[in-house]
Structure formats: C-alpha cells, structure tokens
Amino acid sequence: MGRPVKGKFLGATGVDATPAIPVRADIDGTDFEGYIVKQTGSRSYRVSNDGDTLQGKCVLVNKITGHDAGECSIVGLVNGQAVACQKLTNRLFTDWDNNKYTWTTADDSSESLLILTAV
C-alpha cells in the first residue's frame, strides 16, 4: 500500500482546526460528499457522509461527480482546476495521467479542500 495517509488527515470535513481530506462517493446508490474513515488499500477507503448516516467501502475511480455504487473520488485543486486522484499516499497525490503532486489540506470557511502542487 506504500505510505498510507496519516490519521490526522482523516475524519469529518468542514470548519475544523485540522482540515481533513474530502471525498465524493456513492454508497448503496446515494451520491454524497463526505470524508475518509479509514484507508483500506492503496486505492480503497471506508468513507462516510458528513452526517455520519451512511458509511461503506469504495474504490477510487476517474470521476469528479456521478459515481456508481462503491465508487469514490478524491479531488484536488491545481490552480483552481479540479483533478481526480488515482492514488494517494502520505506524501503524494497521483492523478489518472500519472502526474504527481504534493498535497496539503485547507479550509475555505465552508469546506475542506485538497490543494495540490506539481512535483
């Protein structure tokens, strides 16, 4: 699995002292924005919606929105453009074109964001 993401970046998103990695996912036919509960593999995660009413396992796909059941995406921002993640490690975000970025979490007062910098 490489270097798994540190636990301090997992958890509820939004206004928080330590912003977490946001995720977009579909569990049982319900598409939502939420957060990562646990990393279960290099491309698979246990996720939950922000209200903690829905939780399940999903795998990363090359989509920004419109997920099917069991799919999720971690979306980062590069110069304001959304980029879908193929693989996320403790230090690197790799997109579906194999471009690599360093990443950091940020909070814009309404949501948690993943900010990317090209390597």
PDB file of N, CA and C in Angstrom:
ATOM      1  N   MET A   1       0.824  -1.186   0.000  1.00  0.00           N
ATOM      2  CA  MET A   1       0.000   0.000   0.000  1.00  0.00           C
ATOM      3  C   MET A   1       0.868   1.250   0.000  1.00  0.00           C
ATOM      4  N   GLY A   2       2.175   1.115   0.131  1.00  0.00           N
ATOM      5  CA  GLY A   2       3.015   2.308   0.164  1.00  0.00           C
ATOM      6  C   GLY A   2       2.923   2.981   1.508  1.00  0.00           C
ATOM      7  N   ARG A   3       3.026   4.281   1.506  1.00  0.00           N
ATOM      8  CA  ARG A   3       2.902   5.045   2.758  1.00  0.00           C
ATOM      9  C   ARG A   3       1.451   5.481   2.909  1.00  0.00           C
ATOM     10  N   PRO A   4       0.706   4.838   3.822  1.00  0.00           N
ATOM     11  CA  PRO A   4      -0.690   5.224   3.998  1.00  0.00           C
ATOM     12  C   PRO A   4      -0.816   6.654   4.515  1.00  0.00           C
ATOM     13  N   VAL A   5      -1.954   7.239   4.262  1.00  0.00           N
ATOM     14  CA  VAL A   5      -2.236   8.607   4.696  1.00  0.00           C
ATOM     15  C   VAL A   5      -2.323   8.629   6.220  1.00  0.00           C
ATOM     16  N   LYS A   6      -1.702   9.616   6.841  1.00  0.00           N
ATOM     17  CA  LYS A   6      -1.725   9.734   8.299  1.00  0.00           C
ATOM     18  C   LYS A   6      -3.149   9.979   8.794  1.00  0.00           C
ATOM     19  N   GLY A   7      -3.465   9.410   9.930  1.00  0.00           N
ATOM     20  CA  GLY A   7      -4.787   9.518  10.519  1.00  0.00           C
ATOM     21  C   GLY A   7      -5.238  10.934  10.807  1.00  0.00           C
ATOM     22  N   LYS A   8      -4.292  11.856  11.005  1.00  0.00           N
ATOM     23  CA  LYS A   8      -4.692  13.233  11.311  1.00  0.00           C
ATOM     24  C   LYS A   8      -5.390  13.908  10.126  1.00  0.00           C
ATOM     25  N   PHE A   9      -5.260  13.337   8.916  1.00  0.00           N
ATOM     26  CA  PHE A   9      -5.921  13.898   7.737  1.00  0.00           C
ATOM     27  C   PHE A   9      -7.262  13.219   7.440  1.00  0.00           C
ATOM     28  N   LEU A  10      -7.640  12.243   8.256  1.00  0.00           N
ATOM     29  CA  LEU A  10      -8.896  11.527   8.081  1.00  0.00           C
ATOM     30  C   LEU A  10      -9.892  12.048   9.100  1.00  0.00           C
ATOM     31  N   GLY A  11     -11.156  12.041   8.754  1.00  0.00           N
ATOM     32  CA  GLY A  11     -12.190  12.479   9.686  1.00  0.00           C
ATOM     33  C   GLY A  11     -13.094  13.517   9.067  1.00  0.00           C
ATOM     34  N   ALA A  12     -14.010  14.002   9.866  1.00  0.00           N
ATOM     35  CA  ALA A  12     -15.032  14.938   9.393  1.00  0.00           C
ATOM     36  C   ALA A  12     -14.420  16.156   8.718  1.00  0.00           C
ATOM     37  N   THR A  13     -15.079  16.626   7.669  1.00  0.00           N
ATOM     38  CA  THR A  13     -14.610  17.782   6.904  1.00  0.00           C
ATOM     39  C   THR A  13     -15.373  19.025   7.320  1.00  0.00           C
ATOM     40  N   GLY A  14     -14.924  20.158   6.824  1.00  0.00           N
ATOM     41  CA  GLY A  14     -15.585  21.430   7.125  1.00  0.00           C
ATOM     42  C   GLY A  14     -14.717  22.286   8.008  1.00  0.00           C
ATOM     43  N   VAL A  15     -15.332  23.208   8.707  1.00  0.00           N
ATOM     44  CA  VAL A  15     -14.600  24.113   9.584  1.00  0.00           C
ATOM     45  C   VAL A  15     -14.009  23.295  10.721  1.00  0.00           C
ATOM     46  N   ASP A  16     -12.696  23.248  10.786  1.00  0.00           N
ATOM     47  CA  ASP A  16     -12.007  22.406  11.750  1.00  0.00           C
ATOM     48  C   ASP A  16     -10.600  22.952  11.937  1.00  0.00           C
ATOM     49  N   ALA A  17     -10.034  22.736  13.090  1.00  0.00           N
ATOM     50  CA  ALA A  17      -8.662  23.196  13.342  1.00  0.00           C
ATOM     51  C   ALA A  17      -7.680  22.478  12.418  1.00  0.00           C
ATOM     52  N   THR A  18      -7.949  21.216  12.119  1.00  0.00           N
ATOM     53  CA  THR A  18      -7.122  20.447  11.189  1.00  0.00           C
ATOM     54  C   THR A  18      -8.027  19.937  10.078  1.00  0.00           C
ATOM     55  N   PRO A  19      -8.099  20.626   8.934  1.00  0.00           N
ATOM     56  CA  PRO A  19      -8.976  20.169   7.851  1.00  0.00           C
ATOM     57  C   PRO A  19      -8.609  18.756   7.381  1.00  0.00           C
ATOM     58  N   ALA A  20      -9.607  17.973   7.046  1.00  0.00           N
ATOM     59  CA  ALA A  20      -9.419  16.595   6.610  1.00  0.00           C
ATOM     60  C   ALA A  20      -9.569  16.491   5.094  1.00  0.00           C
ATOM     61  N   ILE A  21      -9.185  15.342   4.564  1.00  0.00           N
ATOM     62  CA  ILE A  21      -9.286  15.081   3.129  1.00  0.00           C
ATOM     63  C   ILE A  21     -10.750  14.820   2.772  1.00  0.00           C
ATOM     64  N   PRO A  22     -11.331  15.633   1.881  1.00  0.00           N
ATOM     65  CA  PRO A  22     -12.721  15.400   1.472  1.00  0.00           C
ATOM     66  C   PRO A  22     -12.798  14.311   0.405  1.00  0.00           C
ATOM     67  N   VAL A  23     -13.931  13.633   0.342  1.00  0.00           N
ATOM     68  CA  VAL A  23     -14.135  12.580  -0.644  1.00  0.00           C
ATOM     69  C   VAL A  23     -15.548  12.714  -1.205  1.00  0.00           C
ATOM     70  N   ARG A  24     -15.695  12.343  -2.466  1.00  0.00           N
ATOM     71  CA  ARG A  24     -17.014  12.264  -3.108  1.00  0.00           C
ATOM     72  C   ARG A  24     -17.249  10.790  -3.393  1.00  0.00           C
ATOM     73  N   ALA A  25     -18.417  10.269  -3.004  1.00  0.00           N
ATOM     74  CA  ALA A  25     -18.623   8.824  -3.095  1.00  0.00           C
ATOM     75  C   ALA A  25     -20.087   8.474  -3.315  1.00  0.00           C
ATOM     76  N   ASP A  26     -20.317   7.190  -3.607  1.00  0.00           N
ATOM     77  CA  ASP A  26     -21.658   6.640  -3.704  1.00  0.00           C
ATOM     78  C   ASP A  26     -21.674   5.319  -2.937  1.00  0.00           C
ATOM     79  N   ILE A  27     -22.523   5.261  -1.931  1.00  0.00           N
ATOM     80  CA  ILE A  27     -22.726   4.032  -1.169  1.00  0.00           C
ATOM     81  C   ILE A  27     -24.203   3.674  -1.295  1.00  0.00           C
ATOM     82  N   ASP A  28     -24.464   2.470  -1.767  1.00  0.00           N
ATOM     83  CA  ASP A  28     -25.839   1.976  -1.914  1.00  0.00           C
ATOM     84  C   ASP A  28     -26.734   2.904  -2.723  1.00  0.00           C
ATOM     85  N   GLY A  29     -26.178   3.528  -3.773  1.00  0.00           N
ATOM     86  CA  GLY A  29     -26.978   4.370  -4.653  1.00  0.00           C
ATOM     87  C   GLY A  29     -27.168   5.799  -4.183  1.00  0.00           C
ATOM     88  N   THR A  30     -26.513   6.191  -3.094  1.00  0.00           N
ATOM     89  CA  THR A  30     -26.603   7.557  -2.595  1.00  0.00           C
ATOM     90  C   THR A  30     -25.277   8.261  -2.827  1.00  0.00           C
ATOM     91  N   ASP A  31     -25.288   9.263  -3.704  1.00  0.00           N
ATOM     92  CA  ASP A  31     -24.093  10.036  -4.039  1.00  0.00           C
ATOM     93  C   ASP A  31     -23.947  11.161  -3.014  1.00  0.00           C
ATOM     94  N   PHE A  32     -22.762  11.311  -2.421  1.00  0.00           N
ATOM     95  CA  PHE A  32     -22.584  12.323  -1.387  1.00  0.00           C
ATOM     96  C   PHE A  32     -21.146  12.817  -1.324  1.00  0.00           C
ATOM     97  N   GLU A  33     -20.957  13.937  -0.630  1.00  0.00           N
ATOM     98  CA  GLU A  33     -19.637  14.430  -0.280  1.00  0.00           C
ATOM     99  C   GLU A  33     -19.444  14.133   1.191  1.00  0.00           C
ATOM    100  N   GLY A  34     -18.273  13.640   1.540  1.00  0.00           N
ATOM    101  CA  GLY A  34     -18.029  13.262   2.923  1.00  0.00           C
ATOM    102  C   GLY A  34     -16.563  13.213   3.252  1.00  0.00           C
ATOM    103  N   TYR A  35     -16.201  12.197   4.012  1.00  0.00           N
ATOM    104  CA  TYR A  35     -14.823  12.095   4.474  1.00  0.00           C
ATOM    105  C   TYR A  35     -14.367  10.642   4.550  1.00  0.00           C
ATOM    106  N   ILE A  36     -13.060  10.474   4.676  1.00  0.00           N
ATOM    107  CA  ILE A  36     -12.455   9.147   4.774  1.00  0.00           C
ATOM    108  C   ILE A  36     -12.426   8.733   6.240  1.00  0.00           C
ATOM    109  N   VAL A  37     -12.962   7.558   6.515  1.00  0.00           N
ATOM    110  CA  VAL A  37     -12.921   6.993   7.855  1.00  0.00           C
ATOM    111  C   VAL A  37     -11.616   6.223   8.031  1.00  0.00           C
ATOM    112  N   LYS A  38     -11.261   5.422   7.004  1.00  0.00           N
ATOM    113  CA  LYS A  38     -10.079   4.571   7.083  1.00  0.00           C
ATOM    114  C   LYS A  38      -9.600   4.221   5.684  1.00  0.00           C
ATOM    115  N   GLN A  39      -8.303   4.199   5.488  1.00  0.00           N
ATOM    116  CA  GLN A  39      -7.725   3.731   4.230  1.00  0.00           C
ATOM    117  C   GLN A  39      -7.586   2.221   4.337  1.00  0.00           C
ATOM    118  N   THR A  40      -8.186   1.477   3.401  1.00  0.00           N
ATOM    119  CA  THR A  40      -8.159   0.017   3.464  1.00  0.00           C
ATOM    120  C   THR A  40      -7.235  -0.615   2.430  1.00  0.00           C
ATOM    121  N   GLY A  41      -6.727   0.172   1.495  1.00  0.00           N
ATOM    122  CA  GLY A  41      -5.805  -0.287   0.464  1.00  0.00           C
ATOM    123  C   GLY A  41      -5.240   0.923  -0.253  1.00  0.00           C
ATOM    124  N   SER A  42      -4.398   0.702  -1.244  1.00  0.00           N
ATOM    125  CA  SER A  42      -3.786   1.840  -1.930  1.00  0.00           C
ATOM    126  C   SER A  42      -4.810   2.660  -2.706  1.00  0.00           C
ATOM    127  N   ARG A  43      -5.931   2.032  -3.099  1.00  0.00           N
ATOM    128  CA  ARG A  43      -6.973   2.743  -3.840  1.00  0.00           C
ATOM    129  C   ARG A  43      -8.366   2.497  -3.279  1.00  0.00           C
ATOM    130  N   SER A  44      -8.451   2.002  -2.055  1.00  0.00           N
ATOM    131  CA  SER A  44      -9.762   1.733  -1.461  1.00  0.00           C
ATOM    132  C   SER A  44      -9.846   2.344  -0.064  1.00  0.00           C
ATOM    133  N   TYR A  45     -11.070   2.778   0.268  1.00  0.00           N
ATOM    134  CA  TYR A  45     -11.296   3.511   1.506  1.00  0.00           C
ATOM    135  C   TYR A  45     -12.636   3.159   2.113  1.00  0.00           C
ATOM    136  N   ARG A  46     -12.741   3.294   3.422  1.00  0.00           N
ATOM    137  CA  ARG A  46     -14.031   3.283   4.108  1.00  0.00           C
ATOM    138  C   ARG A  46     -14.390   4.751   4.269  1.00  0.00           C
ATOM    139  N   VAL A  47     -15.561   5.144   3.778  1.00  0.00           N
ATOM    140  CA  VAL A  47     -15.969   6.555   3.772  1.00  0.00           C
ATOM    141  C   VAL A  47     -17.306   6.731   4.479  1.00  0.00           C
ATOM    142  N   SER A  48     -17.593   7.976   4.843  1.00  0.00           N
ATOM    143  CA  SER A  48     -18.861   8.308   5.486  1.00  0.00           C
ATOM    144  C   SER A  48     -19.332   9.661   4.975  1.00  0.00           C
ATOM    145  N   ASN A  49     -20.650   9.866   4.991  1.00  0.00           N
ATOM    146  CA  ASN A  49     -21.156  11.195   4.668  1.00  0.00           C
ATOM    147  C   ASN A  49     -20.949  12.091   5.888  1.00  0.00           C
ATOM    148  N   ASP A  50     -21.047  13.402   5.701  1.00  0.00           N
ATOM    149  CA  ASP A  50     -20.762  14.333   6.794  1.00  0.00           C
ATOM    150  C   ASP A  50     -21.724  14.183   7.970  1.00  0.00           C
ATOM    151  N   GLY A  51     -22.913  13.674   7.748  1.00  0.00           N
ATOM    152  CA  GLY A  51     -23.873  13.476   8.827  1.00  0.00           C
ATOM    153  C   GLY A  51     -23.707  12.151   9.550  1.00  0.00           C
ATOM    154  N   ASP A  52     -22.745  11.339   9.122  1.00  0.00           N
ATOM    155  CA  ASP A  52     -22.489  10.008   9.697  1.00  0.00           C
ATOM    156  C   ASP A  52     -23.694   9.080   9.636  1.00  0.00           C
ATOM    157  N   THR A  53     -24.560   9.256   8.631  1.00  0.00           N
ATOM    158  CA  THR A  53     -25.722   8.385   8.491  1.00  0.00           C
ATOM    159  C   THR A  53     -25.486   7.279   7.464  1.00  0.00           C
ATOM    160  N   LEU A  54     -24.394   7.366   6.711  1.00  0.00           N
ATOM    161  CA  LEU A  54     -24.098   6.411   5.662  1.00  0.00           C
ATOM    162  C   LEU A  54     -22.603   6.134   5.665  1.00  0.00           C
ATOM    163  N   GLN A  55     -22.228   4.856   5.647  1.00  0.00           N
ATOM    164  CA  GLN A  55     -20.817   4.502   5.647  1.00  0.00           C
ATOM    165  C   GLN A  55     -20.626   3.234   4.833  1.00  0.00           C
ATOM    166  N   GLY A  56     -19.502   3.138   4.112  1.00  0.00           N
ATOM    167  CA  GLY A  56     -19.222   1.948   3.330  1.00  0.00           C
ATOM    168  C   GLY A  56     -17.856   1.999   2.693  1.00  0.00           C
ATOM    169  N   LYS A  57     -17.491   0.906   2.042  1.00  0.00           N
ATOM    170  CA  LYS A  57     -16.194   0.784   1.381  1.00  0.00           C
ATOM    171  C   LYS A  57     -16.341   1.152  -0.089  1.00  0.00           C
ATOM    172  N   CYS A  58     -15.353   1.867  -0.627  1.00  0.00           N
ATOM    173  CA  CYS A  58     -15.387   2.226  -2.040  1.00  0.00           C
ATOM    174  C   CYS A  58     -13.965   2.281  -2.601  1.00  0.00           C
ATOM    175  N   VAL A  59     -13.873   2.296  -3.927  1.00  0.00           N
ATOM    176  CA  VAL A  59     -12.584   2.363  -4.617  1.00  0.00           C
ATOM    177  C   VAL A  59     -12.520   3.629  -5.465  1.00  0.00           C
ATOM    178  N   LEU A  60     -11.303   4.145  -5.631  1.00  0.00           N
ATOM    179  CA  LEU A  60     -11.111   5.358  -6.425  1.00  0.00           C
ATOM    180  C   LEU A  60     -11.396   5.099  -7.898  1.00  0.00           C
ATOM    181  N   VAL A  61     -12.070   6.052  -8.537  1.00  0.00           N
ATOM    182  CA  VAL A  61     -12.349   5.996  -9.969  1.00  0.00           C
ATOM    183  C   VAL A  61     -12.011   7.350 -10.580  1.00  0.00           C
ATOM    184  N   ASN A  62     -11.890   7.383 -11.893  1.00  0.00           N
ATOM    185  CA  ASN A  62     -11.536   8.605 -12.616  1.00  0.00           C
ATOM    186  C   ASN A  62     -12.791   9.421 -12.923  1.00  0.00           C
ATOM    187  N   LYS A  63     -13.410   9.953 -11.871  1.00  0.00           N
ATOM    188  CA  LYS A  63     -14.611  10.773 -11.996  1.00  0.00           C
ATOM    189  C   LYS A  63     -14.521  11.904 -10.986  1.00  0.00           C
ATOM    190  N   ILE A  64     -15.139  13.027 -11.318  1.00  0.00           N
ATOM    191  CA  ILE A  64     -15.268  14.125 -10.362  1.00  0.00           C
ATOM    192  C   ILE A  64     -16.630  14.026  -9.674  1.00  0.00           C
ATOM    193  N   THR A  65     -17.673  13.731 -10.437  1.00  0.00           N
ATOM    194  CA  THR A  65     -19.036  13.549  -9.915  1.00  0.00           C
ATOM    195  C   THR A  65     -19.684  12.377 -10.650  1.00  0.00           C
ATOM    196  N   GLY A  66     -20.903  12.031 -10.269  1.00  0.00           N
ATOM    197  CA  GLY A  66     -21.658  10.987 -10.964  1.00  0.00           C
ATOM    198  C   GLY A  66     -21.152   9.591 -10.690  1.00  0.00           C
ATOM    199  N   HIS A  67     -20.886   9.278  -9.452  1.00  0.00           N
ATOM    200  CA  HIS A  67     -20.351   7.967  -9.083  1.00  0.00           C
ATOM    201  C   HIS A  67     -21.427   6.890  -9.099  1.00  0.00           C
ATOM    202  N   ASP A  68     -20.998   5.659  -9.370  1.00  0.00           N
ATOM    203  CA  ASP A  68     -21.845   4.489  -9.223  1.00  0.00           C
ATOM    204  C   ASP A  68     -21.601   3.916  -7.833  1.00  0.00           C
ATOM    205  N   ALA A  69     -22.463   2.995  -7.400  1.00  0.00           N
ATOM    206  CA  ALA A  69     -22.334   2.402  -6.071  1.00  0.00           C
ATOM    207  C   ALA A  69     -20.947   1.787  -5.883  1.00  0.00           C
ATOM    208  N   GLY A  70     -20.316   2.085  -4.759  1.00  0.00           N
ATOM    209  CA  GLY A  70     -18.999   1.534  -4.435  1.00  0.00           C
ATOM    210  C   GLY A  70     -17.840   2.309  -5.028  1.00  0.00           C
ATOM    211  N   GLU A  71     -18.116   3.439  -5.664  1.00  0.00           N
ATOM    212  CA  GLU A  71     -17.062   4.268  -6.249  1.00  0.00           C
ATOM    213  C   GLU A  71     -16.880   5.543  -5.433  1.00  0.00           C
ATOM    214  N   CYS A  72     -15.650   6.064  -5.463  1.00  0.00           N
ATOM    215  CA  CYS A  72     -15.386   7.345  -4.810  1.00  0.00           C
ATOM    216  C   CYS A  72     -14.287   8.074  -5.566  1.00  0.00           C
ATOM    217  N   SER A  73     -14.150   9.351  -5.273  1.00  0.00           N
ATOM    218  CA  SER A  73     -13.053  10.127  -5.829  1.00  0.00           C
ATOM    219  C   SER A  73     -12.562  11.117  -4.788  1.00  0.00           C
ATOM    220  N   ILE A  74     -11.262  11.290  -4.797  1.00  0.00           N
ATOM    221  CA  ILE A  74     -10.626  12.329  -4.011  1.00  0.00           C
ATOM    222  C   ILE A  74     -10.223  13.374  -5.031  1.00  0.00           C
ATOM    223  N   VAL A  75     -10.708  14.586  -4.850  1.00  0.00           N
ATOM    224  CA  VAL A  75     -10.489  15.633  -5.838  1.00  0.00           C
ATOM    225  C   VAL A  75      -9.592  16.706  -5.240  1.00  0.00           C
ATOM    226  N   GLY A  76      -8.500  16.996  -5.955  1.00  0.00           N
ATOM    227  CA  GLY A  76      -7.595  18.050  -5.537  1.00  0.00           C
ATOM    228  C   GLY A  76      -7.697  19.237  -6.474  1.00  0.00           C
ATOM    229  N   LEU A  77      -7.200  20.375  -6.033  1.00  0.00           N
ATOM    230  CA  LEU A  77      -7.232  21.589  -6.846  1.00  0.00           C
ATOM    231  C   LEU A  77      -5.816  22.015  -7.210  1.00  0.00           C
ATOM    232  N   VAL A  78      -5.599  22.218  -8.533  1.00  0.00           N
ATOM    233  CA  VAL A  78      -4.331  22.739  -9.047  1.00  0.00           C
ATOM    234  C   VAL A  78      -4.668  24.024  -9.788  1.00  0.00           C
ATOM    235  N   ASN A  79      -4.230  25.145  -9.273  1.00  0.00           N
ATOM    236  CA  ASN A  79      -4.534  26.445  -9.874  1.00  0.00           C
ATOM    237  C   ASN A  79      -6.032  26.606 -10.155  1.00  0.00           C
ATOM    238  N   GLY A  80      -6.858  26.148  -9.226  1.00  0.00           N
ATOM    239  CA  GLY A  80      -8.303  26.280  -9.349  1.00  0.00           C
ATOM    240  C   GLY A  80      -8.985  25.206 -10.181  1.00  0.00           C
ATOM    241  N   GLN A  81      -8.225  24.314 -10.808  1.00  0.00           N
ATOM    242  CA  GLN A  81      -8.788  23.236 -11.631  1.00  0.00           C
ATOM    243  C   GLN A  81      -8.889  21.949 -10.814  1.00  0.00           C
ATOM    244  N   ALA A  82     -10.027  21.261 -10.927  1.00  0.00           N
ATOM    245  CA  ALA A  82     -10.247  20.012 -10.210  1.00  0.00           C
ATOM    246  C   ALA A  82      -9.526  18.861 -10.910  1.00  0.00           C
ATOM    247  N   VAL A  83      -8.852  18.020 -10.110  1.00  0.00           N
ATOM    248  CA  VAL A  83      -8.110  16.866 -10.615  1.00  0.00           C
ATOM    249  C   VAL A  83      -8.496  15.652  -9.773  1.00  0.00           C
ATOM    250  N   ALA A  84      -8.860  14.533 -10.433  1.00  0.00           N
ATOM    251  CA  ALA A  84      -9.228  13.307  -9.721  1.00  0.00           C
ATOM    252  C   ALA A  84      -7.981  12.493  -9.388  1.00  0.00           C
ATOM    253  N   CYS A  85      -8.005  11.877  -8.225  1.00  0.00           N
ATOM    254  CA  CYS A  85      -6.870  11.121  -7.708  1.00  0.00           C
ATOM    255  C   CYS A  85      -6.922   9.655  -8.133  1.00  0.00           C
ATOM    256  N   GLN A  86      -5.788   9.126  -8.583  1.00  0.00           N
ATOM    257  CA  GLN A  86      -5.669   7.697  -8.863  1.00  0.00           C
ATOM    258  C   GLN A  86      -5.107   6.983  -7.641  1.00  0.00           C
ATOM    259  N   LYS A  87      -4.163   7.643  -6.946  1.00  0.00           N
ATOM    260  CA  LYS A  87      -3.536   7.050  -5.764  1.00  0.00           C
ATOM    261  C   LYS A  87      -3.070   8.170  -4.843  1.00  0.00           C
ATOM    262  N   LEU A  88      -3.357   8.006  -3.550  1.00  0.00           N
ATOM    263  CA  LEU A  88      -2.959   8.995  -2.556  1.00  0.00           C
ATOM    264  C   LEU A  88      -2.103   8.305  -1.505  1.00  0.00           C
ATOM    265  N   THR A  89      -0.916   8.840  -1.282  1.00  0.00           N
ATOM    266  CA  THR A  89      -0.064   8.339  -0.212  1.00  0.00           C
ATOM    267  C   THR A  89       0.151   9.467   0.782  1.00  0.00           C
ATOM    268  N   ASN A  90       0.922   9.177   1.800  1.00  0.00           N
ATOM    269  CA  ASN A  90       1.174  10.176   2.824  1.00  0.00           C
ATOM    270  C   ASN A  90       1.832  11.431   2.267  1.00  0.00           C
ATOM    271  N   ARG A  91       2.546  11.309   1.165  1.00  0.00           N
ATOM    272  CA  ARG A  91       3.272  12.453   0.614  1.00  0.00           C
ATOM    273  C   ARG A  91       2.842  12.875  -0.787  1.00  0.00           C
ATOM    274  N   LEU A  92       2.288  11.951  -1.578  1.00  0.00           N
ATOM    275  CA  LEU A  92       1.999  12.267  -2.983  1.00  0.00           C
ATOM    276  C   LEU A  92       0.565  11.959  -3.390  1.00  0.00           C
ATOM    277  N   PHE A  93       0.067  12.793  -4.289  1.00  0.00           N
ATOM    278  CA  PHE A  93      -1.218  12.631  -4.960  1.00  0.00           C
ATOM    279  C   PHE A  93      -0.866  12.339  -6.409  1.00  0.00           C
ATOM    280  N   THR A  94      -1.322  11.209  -6.957  1.00  0.00           N
ATOM    281  CA  THR A  94      -1.069  10.859  -8.357  1.00  0.00           C
ATOM    282  C   THR A  94      -2.400  10.881  -9.093  1.00  0.00           C
ATOM    283  N   ASP A  95      -2.475  11.650 -10.209  1.00  0.00           N
ATOM    284  CA  ASP A  95      -3.723  11.705 -10.970  1.00  0.00           C
ATOM    285  C   ASP A  95      -3.763  10.576 -11.991  1.00  0.00           C
ATOM    286  N   TRP A  96      -4.822  10.514 -12.773  1.00  0.00           N
ATOM    287  CA  TRP A  96      -5.025   9.409 -13.712  1.00  0.00           C
ATOM    288  C   TRP A  96      -4.137   9.503 -14.952  1.00  0.00           C
ATOM    289  N   ASP A  97      -3.413  10.618 -15.111  1.00  0.00           N
ATOM    290  CA  ASP A  97      -2.423  10.743 -16.179  1.00  0.00           C
ATOM    291  C   ASP A  97      -1.014  10.519 -15.634  1.00  0.00           C
ATOM    292  N   ASN A  98      -0.928  10.001 -14.408  1.00  0.00           N
ATOM    293  CA  ASN A  98       0.331   9.739 -13.692  1.00  0.00           C
ATOM    294  C   ASN A  98       1.142  10.990 -13.382  1.00  0.00           C
ATOM    295  N   ASN A  99       0.497  12.160 -13.342  1.00  0.00           N
ATOM    296  CA  ASN A  99       1.152  13.373 -12.856  1.00  0.00           C
ATOM    297  C   ASN A  99       1.177  13.290 -11.342  1.00  0.00           C
ATOM    298  N   LYS A 100       2.276  13.716 -10.747  1.00  0.00           N
ATOM    299  CA  LYS A 100       2.430  13.648  -9.298  1.00  0.00           C
ATOM    300  C   LYS A 100       2.427  15.046  -8.688  1.00  0.00           C
ATOM    301  N   TYR A 101       1.815  15.139  -7.512  1.00  0.00           N
ATOM    302  CA  TYR A 101       1.689  16.405  -6.801  1.00  0.00           C
ATOM    303  C   TYR A 101       1.946  16.171  -5.318  1.00  0.00           C
ATOM    304  N   THR A 102       2.493  17.169  -4.648  1.00  0.00           N
ATOM    305  CA  THR A 102       2.452  17.167  -3.198  1.00  0.00           C
ATOM    306  C   THR A 102       1.103  17.756  -2.829  1.00  0.00           C
ATOM    307  N   TRP A 103       0.618  17.450  -1.640  1.00  0.00           N
ATOM    308  CA  TRP A 103      -0.712  17.923  -1.269  1.00  0.00           C
ATOM    309  C   TRP A 103      -0.729  18.456   0.148  1.00  0.00           C
ATOM    310  N   THR A 104      -1.706  19.311   0.389  1.00  0.00           N
ATOM    311  CA  THR A 104      -1.972  19.838   1.715  1.00  0.00           C
ATOM    312  C   THR A 104      -3.463  20.081   1.842  1.00  0.00           C
ATOM    313  N   THR A 105      -3.963  20.003   3.054  1.00  0.00           N
ATOM    314  CA  THR A 105      -5.376  20.292   3.273  1.00  0.00           C
ATOM    315  C   THR A 105      -5.538  21.755   3.650  1.00  0.00           C
ATOM    316  N   ALA A 106      -6.691  22.297   3.311  1.00  0.00           N
ATOM    317  CA  ALA A 106      -7.000  23.693   3.625  1.00  0.00           C
ATOM    318  C   ALA A 106      -8.490  23.794   3.909  1.00  0.00           C
ATOM    319  N   ASP A 107      -8.887  24.893   4.515  1.00  0.00           N
ATOM    320  CA  ASP A 107     -10.287  25.125   4.842  1.00  0.00           C
ATOM    321  C   ASP A 107     -10.650  26.526   4.377  1.00  0.00           C
ATOM    322  N   ASP A 108     -11.630  26.637   3.484  1.00  0.00           N
ATOM    323  CA  ASP A 108     -12.010  27.955   2.967  1.00  0.00           C
ATOM    324  C   ASP A 108     -13.209  28.543   3.706  1.00  0.00           C
ATOM    325  N   SER A 109     -13.455  28.111   4.916  1.00  0.00           N
ATOM    326  CA  SER A 109     -14.535  28.527   5.815  1.00  0.00           C
ATOM    327  C   SER A 109     -15.876  27.877   5.495  1.00  0.00           C
ATOM    328  N   SER A 110     -15.988  27.169   4.370  1.00  0.00           N
ATOM    329  CA  SER A 110     -17.232  26.463   4.084  1.00  0.00           C
ATOM    330  C   SER A 110     -17.013  24.981   3.816  1.00  0.00           C
ATOM    331  N   GLU A 111     -15.788  24.610   3.443  1.00  0.00           N
ATOM    332  CA  GLU A 111     -15.497  23.205   3.166  1.00  0.00           C
ATOM    333  C   GLU A 111     -14.001  22.945   3.250  1.00  0.00           C
ATOM    334  N   SER A 112     -13.656  21.669   3.412  1.00  0.00           N
ATOM    335  CA  SER A 112     -12.248  21.280   3.379  1.00  0.00           C
ATOM    336  C   SER A 112     -11.821  21.080   1.935  1.00  0.00           C
ATOM    337  N   LEU A 113     -10.601  21.449   1.621  1.00  0.00           N
ATOM    338  CA  LEU A 113     -10.062  21.350   0.267  1.00  0.00           C
ATOM    339  C   LEU A 113      -8.731  20.632   0.287  1.00  0.00           C
ATOM    340  N   LEU A 114      -8.388  20.013  -0.837  1.00  0.00           N
ATOM    341  CA  LEU A 114      -7.093  19.381  -1.020  1.00  0.00           C
ATOM    342  C   LEU A 114      -6.368  20.214  -2.068  1.00  0.00           C
ATOM    343  N   ILE A 115      -5.306  20.912  -1.659  1.00  0.00           N
ATOM    344  CA  ILE A 115      -4.564  21.794  -2.536  1.00  0.00           C
ATOM    345  C   ILE A 115      -3.317  21.062  -3.036  1.00  0.00           C
ATOM    346  N   LEU A 116      -3.114  21.059  -4.354  1.00  0.00           N
ATOM    347  CA  LEU A 116      -2.021  20.321  -4.980  1.00  0.00           C
ATOM    348  C   LEU A 116      -0.943  21.249  -5.531  1.00  0.00           C
ATOM    349  N   THR A 117       0.307  20.783  -5.482  1.00  0.00           N
ATOM    350  CA  THR A 117       1.434  21.483  -6.083  1.00  0.00           C
ATOM    351  C   THR A 117       2.202  20.469  -6.935  1.00  0.00           C
ATOM    352  N   ALA A 118       2.411  20.764  -8.203  1.00  0.00           N
ATOM    353  CA  ALA A 118       3.102  19.844  -9.106  1.00  0.00           C
ATOM    354  C   ALA A 118       4.517  19.564  -8.616  1.00  0.00           C
ATOM    355  N   VAL A 119       4.935  18.308  -8.785  1.00  0.00           N
ATOM    356  CA  VAL A 119       6.294  17.905  -8.385  1.00  0.00           C
ATOM    357  C   VAL A 119       7.205  18.013  -9.576  1.00  0.00           C
TER     358      VAL A 119
END
